[in-house]
N, C-alpha and C. Protein backbone atom coordinates (compact mmCIF):
# COMPACT_ATOMS: atom_id res chain seq x y z
N MET A 1 21.56 -180.82 114.90
CA MET A 1 22.98 -180.97 114.65
C MET A 1 23.42 -179.92 113.63
N PHE A 2 24.53 -179.32 113.86
CA PHE A 2 25.04 -178.33 112.94
C PHE A 2 26.41 -178.76 112.43
N THR A 3 26.73 -178.29 111.25
CA THR A 3 28.05 -178.57 110.69
C THR A 3 28.69 -177.27 110.27
N ILE A 4 29.97 -177.19 110.49
CA ILE A 4 30.74 -176.02 110.10
C ILE A 4 31.91 -176.49 109.26
N ASN A 5 32.03 -175.91 108.08
CA ASN A 5 33.11 -176.26 107.17
C ASN A 5 34.32 -175.37 107.49
N ILE A 6 35.32 -175.96 108.11
CA ILE A 6 36.52 -175.21 108.51
C ILE A 6 37.22 -174.62 107.29
N TRP A 7 37.24 -175.36 106.19
CA TRP A 7 37.92 -174.85 104.99
C TRP A 7 37.21 -173.62 104.42
N ALA A 8 35.90 -173.59 104.53
CA ALA A 8 35.15 -172.41 104.09
C ALA A 8 35.53 -171.21 104.96
N ILE A 9 35.69 -171.44 106.26
CA ILE A 9 36.09 -170.36 107.16
C ILE A 9 37.48 -169.85 106.80
N VAL A 10 38.39 -170.77 106.55
CA VAL A 10 39.77 -170.38 106.19
C VAL A 10 39.78 -169.59 104.88
N ILE A 11 39.07 -170.08 103.87
CA ILE A 11 39.03 -169.38 102.58
C ILE A 11 38.36 -168.02 102.74
N ALA A 12 37.26 -167.96 103.47
CA ALA A 12 36.58 -166.67 103.69
C ALA A 12 37.48 -165.70 104.45
N ALA A 13 38.25 -166.19 105.40
CA ALA A 13 39.18 -165.33 106.15
C ALA A 13 40.27 -164.79 105.23
N ILE A 14 40.78 -165.63 104.36
CA ILE A 14 41.81 -165.18 103.41
C ILE A 14 41.23 -164.13 102.46
N VAL A 15 40.03 -164.38 101.97
CA VAL A 15 39.36 -163.40 101.09
C VAL A 15 39.13 -162.09 101.84
N SER A 16 38.66 -162.18 103.07
CA SER A 16 38.43 -160.99 103.89
C SER A 16 39.73 -160.22 104.12
N PHE A 17 40.79 -160.94 104.38
CA PHE A 17 42.12 -160.33 104.58
C PHE A 17 42.55 -159.61 103.31
N MET A 18 42.31 -160.24 102.16
CA MET A 18 42.66 -159.61 100.88
C MET A 18 41.82 -158.37 100.61
N ILE A 19 40.54 -158.42 100.97
CA ILE A 19 39.68 -157.24 100.82
C ILE A 19 40.26 -156.09 101.63
N SER A 20 40.65 -156.36 102.87
CA SER A 20 41.23 -155.32 103.71
C SER A 20 42.54 -154.79 103.13
N ALA A 21 43.36 -155.69 102.61
CA ALA A 21 44.64 -155.27 102.04
C ALA A 21 44.44 -154.31 100.86
N VAL A 22 43.49 -154.63 100.00
CA VAL A 22 43.21 -153.75 98.86
C VAL A 22 42.53 -152.46 99.34
N TRP A 23 41.58 -152.58 100.25
CA TRP A 23 40.81 -151.44 100.74
C TRP A 23 41.72 -150.38 101.37
N TYR A 24 42.68 -150.86 102.17
CA TYR A 24 43.57 -149.93 102.88
C TYR A 24 44.88 -149.68 102.13
N SER A 25 44.94 -150.08 100.88
CA SER A 25 46.13 -149.80 100.07
C SER A 25 46.12 -148.34 99.64
N SER A 26 47.25 -147.89 99.15
CA SER A 26 47.34 -146.49 98.69
C SER A 26 46.48 -146.26 97.45
N PHE A 27 46.07 -147.33 96.78
CA PHE A 27 45.21 -147.20 95.60
C PHE A 27 43.78 -146.82 95.95
N LEU A 28 43.33 -147.24 97.14
CA LEU A 28 41.97 -146.91 97.53
C LEU A 28 41.96 -145.91 98.69
N PHE A 29 41.90 -146.40 99.93
CA PHE A 29 41.68 -145.50 101.06
C PHE A 29 42.83 -145.43 102.06
N GLY A 30 43.95 -146.05 101.75
CA GLY A 30 45.07 -146.09 102.69
C GLY A 30 45.59 -144.72 103.08
N LYS A 31 45.79 -143.85 102.11
CA LYS A 31 46.32 -142.51 102.41
C LYS A 31 45.33 -141.70 103.23
N ASP A 32 44.06 -141.75 102.86
CA ASP A 32 43.04 -141.05 103.64
C ASP A 32 42.97 -141.60 105.06
N TRP A 33 43.02 -142.91 105.18
CA TRP A 33 42.93 -143.54 106.50
C TRP A 33 44.10 -143.11 107.38
N LEU A 34 45.31 -143.13 106.82
CA LEU A 34 46.49 -142.70 107.60
C LEU A 34 46.34 -141.27 108.06
N THR A 35 45.85 -140.41 107.21
CA THR A 35 45.64 -139.01 107.58
C THR A 35 44.60 -138.89 108.69
N LEU A 36 43.50 -139.62 108.55
CA LEU A 36 42.41 -139.53 109.53
C LEU A 36 42.79 -140.09 110.90
N VAL A 37 43.65 -141.10 110.93
CA VAL A 37 44.07 -141.66 112.22
C VAL A 37 45.38 -141.02 112.70
N LYS A 38 45.86 -140.06 111.93
CA LYS A 38 47.03 -139.26 112.29
C LYS A 38 48.30 -140.11 112.45
N ILE A 39 48.52 -140.98 111.45
CA ILE A 39 49.75 -141.76 111.39
C ILE A 39 50.55 -141.23 110.21
N SER A 40 51.80 -140.87 110.48
CA SER A 40 52.65 -140.30 109.43
C SER A 40 53.34 -141.41 108.64
N GLU A 41 53.88 -141.04 107.49
CA GLU A 41 54.64 -142.00 106.67
C GLU A 41 55.86 -142.52 107.45
N ASN A 42 56.47 -141.67 108.25
CA ASN A 42 57.62 -142.11 109.06
C ASN A 42 57.21 -143.19 110.05
N GLU A 43 56.04 -143.03 110.66
CA GLU A 43 55.55 -144.04 111.59
C GLU A 43 55.25 -145.34 110.87
N VAL A 44 54.72 -145.25 109.67
CA VAL A 44 54.45 -146.45 108.87
C VAL A 44 55.75 -147.17 108.57
N ASN A 45 56.75 -146.41 108.15
CA ASN A 45 58.05 -147.02 107.84
C ASN A 45 58.68 -147.65 109.08
N THR A 46 58.52 -147.02 110.24
CA THR A 46 59.03 -147.58 111.49
C THR A 46 58.32 -148.88 111.82
N MET A 47 57.00 -148.90 111.64
CA MET A 47 56.22 -150.12 111.90
C MET A 47 56.63 -151.24 110.95
N ARG A 48 56.85 -150.87 109.68
CA ARG A 48 57.27 -151.89 108.70
C ARG A 48 58.64 -152.45 109.07
N ALA A 49 59.56 -151.56 109.48
CA ALA A 49 60.90 -152.00 109.83
C ALA A 49 60.87 -152.91 111.06
N ALA A 50 59.98 -152.61 112.01
CA ALA A 50 59.87 -153.42 113.22
C ALA A 50 59.20 -154.76 112.94
N GLY A 51 58.52 -154.84 111.82
CA GLY A 51 57.81 -156.07 111.47
C GLY A 51 56.36 -155.98 111.89
N MET A 52 55.49 -156.13 110.94
CA MET A 52 54.06 -156.01 111.22
C MET A 52 53.38 -157.38 111.27
N TRP A 53 54.17 -158.45 111.28
CA TRP A 53 53.59 -159.79 111.24
C TRP A 53 52.74 -160.08 112.46
N ARG A 54 53.10 -159.53 113.60
CA ARG A 54 52.29 -159.73 114.80
C ARG A 54 50.89 -159.14 114.59
N SER A 55 50.83 -157.93 114.07
CA SER A 55 49.54 -157.29 113.81
C SER A 55 48.75 -158.05 112.76
N TYR A 56 49.42 -158.48 111.70
CA TYR A 56 48.74 -159.26 110.66
C TYR A 56 48.21 -160.57 111.21
N THR A 57 48.99 -161.22 112.07
CA THR A 57 48.57 -162.49 112.65
C THR A 57 47.35 -162.30 113.55
N ILE A 58 47.37 -161.27 114.38
CA ILE A 58 46.23 -161.00 115.26
C ILE A 58 44.99 -160.64 114.43
N HIS A 59 45.20 -159.87 113.36
CA HIS A 59 44.08 -159.53 112.46
C HIS A 59 43.48 -160.80 111.87
N LEU A 60 44.32 -161.70 111.38
CA LEU A 60 43.83 -162.93 110.77
C LEU A 60 43.12 -163.81 111.80
N LEU A 61 43.67 -163.94 112.99
CA LEU A 61 43.03 -164.74 114.03
C LEU A 61 41.68 -164.14 114.44
N SER A 62 41.61 -162.83 114.55
CA SER A 62 40.35 -162.17 114.88
C SER A 62 39.31 -162.42 113.80
N THR A 63 39.75 -162.38 112.54
CA THR A 63 38.85 -162.64 111.42
C THR A 63 38.36 -164.09 111.46
N LEU A 64 39.25 -165.02 111.76
CA LEU A 64 38.85 -166.42 111.86
C LEU A 64 37.80 -166.63 112.95
N ILE A 65 37.97 -165.99 114.09
CA ILE A 65 36.99 -166.10 115.18
C ILE A 65 35.65 -165.52 114.74
N THR A 66 35.68 -164.34 114.15
CA THR A 66 34.44 -163.72 113.67
C THR A 66 33.72 -164.62 112.69
N LEU A 67 34.45 -165.18 111.75
CA LEU A 67 33.82 -166.02 110.73
C LEU A 67 33.37 -167.35 111.28
N PHE A 68 34.06 -167.87 112.29
CA PHE A 68 33.57 -169.09 112.94
C PHE A 68 32.21 -168.82 113.59
N VAL A 69 32.10 -167.70 114.28
CA VAL A 69 30.82 -167.36 114.92
C VAL A 69 29.73 -167.15 113.87
N LEU A 70 30.07 -166.47 112.78
CA LEU A 70 29.11 -166.27 111.69
C LEU A 70 28.69 -167.61 111.10
N ALA A 71 29.65 -168.49 110.85
CA ALA A 71 29.33 -169.82 110.30
C ALA A 71 28.46 -170.63 111.27
N PHE A 72 28.77 -170.55 112.55
CA PHE A 72 27.97 -171.24 113.56
C PHE A 72 26.53 -170.73 113.54
N ALA A 73 26.36 -169.42 113.53
CA ALA A 73 25.01 -168.83 113.51
C ALA A 73 24.26 -169.25 112.25
N MET A 74 24.93 -169.21 111.11
CA MET A 74 24.27 -169.59 109.86
C MET A 74 23.90 -171.07 109.87
N SER A 75 24.75 -171.89 110.44
CA SER A 75 24.45 -173.32 110.53
C SER A 75 23.25 -173.56 111.44
N MET A 76 23.19 -172.84 112.53
CA MET A 76 22.09 -173.02 113.49
C MET A 76 20.73 -172.62 112.90
N ILE A 77 20.72 -171.61 112.01
CA ILE A 77 19.44 -171.19 111.44
C ILE A 77 19.19 -171.78 110.05
N GLY A 78 20.12 -172.60 109.58
CA GLY A 78 19.90 -173.34 108.35
C GLY A 78 20.13 -172.55 107.07
N ILE A 79 21.13 -171.70 107.06
CA ILE A 79 21.46 -170.95 105.84
C ILE A 79 22.38 -171.81 104.97
N HIS A 80 21.96 -172.06 103.71
CA HIS A 80 22.75 -172.96 102.86
C HIS A 80 22.92 -172.46 101.44
N ASN A 81 22.69 -171.17 101.18
CA ASN A 81 22.99 -170.66 99.84
C ASN A 81 23.63 -169.28 99.96
N ALA A 82 24.36 -168.91 98.92
CA ALA A 82 25.18 -167.71 98.95
C ALA A 82 24.38 -166.44 99.18
N THR A 83 23.21 -166.35 98.58
CA THR A 83 22.38 -165.14 98.72
C THR A 83 21.96 -164.95 100.18
N ASP A 84 21.49 -166.02 100.80
CA ASP A 84 21.09 -165.92 102.21
C ASP A 84 22.30 -165.65 103.10
N GLY A 85 23.44 -166.25 102.77
CA GLY A 85 24.66 -166.01 103.54
C GLY A 85 25.10 -164.56 103.46
N ALA A 86 25.03 -163.99 102.27
CA ALA A 86 25.37 -162.57 102.10
C ALA A 86 24.40 -161.71 102.90
N PHE A 87 23.13 -162.08 102.89
CA PHE A 87 22.11 -161.35 103.64
C PHE A 87 22.40 -161.38 105.14
N ILE A 88 22.78 -162.54 105.65
CA ILE A 88 23.13 -162.68 107.07
C ILE A 88 24.39 -161.87 107.37
N GLY A 89 25.36 -161.88 106.45
CA GLY A 89 26.55 -161.04 106.62
C GLY A 89 26.19 -159.58 106.72
N PHE A 90 25.25 -159.14 105.88
CA PHE A 90 24.79 -157.75 105.94
C PHE A 90 24.13 -157.45 107.28
N PHE A 91 23.27 -158.36 107.75
CA PHE A 91 22.60 -158.13 109.03
C PHE A 91 23.57 -158.17 110.20
N ALA A 92 24.60 -159.00 110.11
CA ALA A 92 25.62 -159.00 111.16
C ALA A 92 26.30 -157.63 111.22
N TRP A 93 26.61 -157.08 110.04
CA TRP A 93 27.20 -155.73 109.98
C TRP A 93 26.23 -154.70 110.54
N LEU A 94 24.99 -154.76 110.08
CA LEU A 94 23.99 -153.78 110.49
C LEU A 94 23.75 -153.80 112.00
N GLY A 95 23.75 -154.99 112.59
CA GLY A 95 23.46 -155.11 114.01
C GLY A 95 24.64 -154.98 114.94
N PHE A 96 25.84 -155.36 114.47
CA PHE A 96 26.98 -155.42 115.37
C PHE A 96 28.12 -154.46 115.03
N ILE A 97 28.20 -153.99 113.82
CA ILE A 97 29.31 -153.11 113.42
C ILE A 97 28.83 -151.67 113.24
N ALA A 98 27.81 -151.47 112.43
CA ALA A 98 27.35 -150.12 112.13
C ALA A 98 26.99 -149.30 113.37
N PRO A 99 26.30 -149.90 114.35
CA PRO A 99 25.97 -149.09 115.54
C PRO A 99 27.20 -148.53 116.26
N TYR A 100 28.29 -149.28 116.25
CA TYR A 100 29.49 -148.79 116.92
C TYR A 100 30.13 -147.63 116.17
N GLY A 101 29.93 -147.58 114.86
CA GLY A 101 30.36 -146.41 114.11
C GLY A 101 29.60 -145.17 114.54
N VAL A 102 28.31 -145.33 114.75
CA VAL A 102 27.49 -144.22 115.24
C VAL A 102 27.97 -143.78 116.62
N LEU A 103 28.23 -144.74 117.49
CA LEU A 103 28.71 -144.41 118.84
C LEU A 103 30.07 -143.73 118.80
N ASP A 104 30.95 -144.18 117.91
CA ASP A 104 32.26 -143.51 117.76
C ASP A 104 32.08 -142.06 117.35
N TYR A 105 31.14 -141.82 116.46
CA TYR A 105 30.87 -140.45 116.03
C TYR A 105 30.32 -139.61 117.19
N LEU A 106 29.37 -140.17 117.91
CA LEU A 106 28.72 -139.43 118.99
C LEU A 106 29.65 -139.12 120.15
N TRP A 107 30.40 -140.12 120.60
CA TRP A 107 31.15 -139.98 121.84
C TRP A 107 32.62 -139.67 121.65
N ARG A 108 33.23 -140.17 120.59
CA ARG A 108 34.66 -139.91 120.39
C ARG A 108 34.92 -138.89 119.30
N LYS A 109 33.84 -138.43 118.65
CA LYS A 109 33.94 -137.44 117.57
C LYS A 109 34.84 -137.95 116.44
N THR A 110 34.78 -139.26 116.19
CA THR A 110 35.52 -139.85 115.08
C THR A 110 34.98 -139.27 113.79
N PRO A 111 35.86 -138.85 112.88
CA PRO A 111 35.37 -138.29 111.61
C PRO A 111 34.49 -139.30 110.86
N VAL A 112 33.43 -138.81 110.27
CA VAL A 112 32.50 -139.66 109.54
C VAL A 112 33.23 -140.41 108.42
N ARG A 113 34.15 -139.74 107.75
CA ARG A 113 34.89 -140.39 106.66
C ARG A 113 35.66 -141.61 107.17
N LEU A 114 36.27 -141.50 108.34
CA LEU A 114 37.00 -142.62 108.92
C LEU A 114 36.04 -143.76 109.28
N ILE A 115 34.92 -143.42 109.85
CA ILE A 115 33.91 -144.44 110.18
C ILE A 115 33.45 -145.16 108.92
N LEU A 116 33.21 -144.40 107.86
CA LEU A 116 32.76 -145.01 106.60
C LEU A 116 33.84 -145.90 106.00
N ILE A 117 35.08 -145.43 106.00
CA ILE A 117 36.18 -146.24 105.44
C ILE A 117 36.25 -147.57 106.17
N ASP A 118 36.29 -147.54 107.49
CA ASP A 118 36.41 -148.77 108.27
C ASP A 118 35.16 -149.64 108.18
N SER A 119 34.01 -149.03 108.33
CA SER A 119 32.76 -149.78 108.40
C SER A 119 32.40 -150.43 107.07
N ILE A 120 32.62 -149.75 105.98
CA ILE A 120 32.27 -150.32 104.67
C ILE A 120 33.20 -151.48 104.32
N CYS A 121 34.45 -151.39 104.76
CA CYS A 121 35.36 -152.53 104.55
C CYS A 121 34.85 -153.77 105.27
N VAL A 122 34.41 -153.59 106.50
CA VAL A 122 33.86 -154.72 107.27
C VAL A 122 32.57 -155.21 106.62
N LEU A 123 31.74 -154.30 106.13
CA LEU A 123 30.51 -154.69 105.43
C LEU A 123 30.83 -155.59 104.24
N LEU A 124 31.75 -155.16 103.40
CA LEU A 124 32.13 -155.98 102.24
C LEU A 124 32.65 -157.35 102.68
N SER A 125 33.49 -157.36 103.69
CA SER A 125 34.06 -158.62 104.16
C SER A 125 32.99 -159.56 104.70
N LEU A 126 32.05 -159.03 105.48
CA LEU A 126 31.01 -159.89 106.05
C LEU A 126 30.04 -160.40 104.99
N VAL A 127 29.68 -159.55 104.05
CA VAL A 127 28.75 -159.98 103.00
C VAL A 127 29.39 -161.05 102.13
N ILE A 128 30.61 -160.82 101.68
CA ILE A 128 31.29 -161.79 100.82
C ILE A 128 31.60 -163.07 101.61
N SER A 129 32.06 -162.92 102.84
CA SER A 129 32.35 -164.10 103.66
C SER A 129 31.07 -164.89 103.96
N GLY A 130 29.99 -164.18 104.23
CA GLY A 130 28.72 -164.88 104.46
C GLY A 130 28.31 -165.70 103.26
N ALA A 131 28.51 -165.14 102.07
CA ALA A 131 28.18 -165.88 100.85
C ALA A 131 29.07 -167.11 100.70
N ILE A 132 30.35 -166.94 100.98
CA ILE A 132 31.28 -168.08 100.87
C ILE A 132 30.92 -169.17 101.88
N LEU A 133 30.68 -168.78 103.12
CA LEU A 133 30.38 -169.75 104.17
C LEU A 133 29.10 -170.53 103.88
N ALA A 134 28.09 -169.83 103.38
CA ALA A 134 26.81 -170.50 103.14
C ALA A 134 26.84 -171.38 101.90
N ALA A 135 27.57 -170.93 100.89
CA ALA A 135 27.59 -171.69 99.63
C ALA A 135 28.45 -172.94 99.70
N TRP A 136 29.41 -172.93 100.58
CA TRP A 136 30.38 -174.03 100.61
C TRP A 136 29.79 -175.22 101.28
């Protein structure tokens, strides 16, 4: 029998969302990211004016699904402390996220800097979320 704490998933998703918000802010990597994906300030302003709530909602729902699957996997293998949860978050990144960065570089010629910006944000989110899910 496995148990999944829905509140832990919700809190981890909110934390993950906040990590992304800070990560992609102009204080950290937002300007570099916009340059690398070739989005201009005018396009950003147009997107803001049109309302980005749909994108934010889809982002949050996707994060909730990811964290539900992570929580399910951790419950099935009996992870119950923050250190082990962070470790599982790291392995989820290593096995499911990092390889796609390599493939993006190989086949789509995505700049390494863009891959690192995106991939490390996901790494931080999965490690911290794994710790939250396991400790709760």
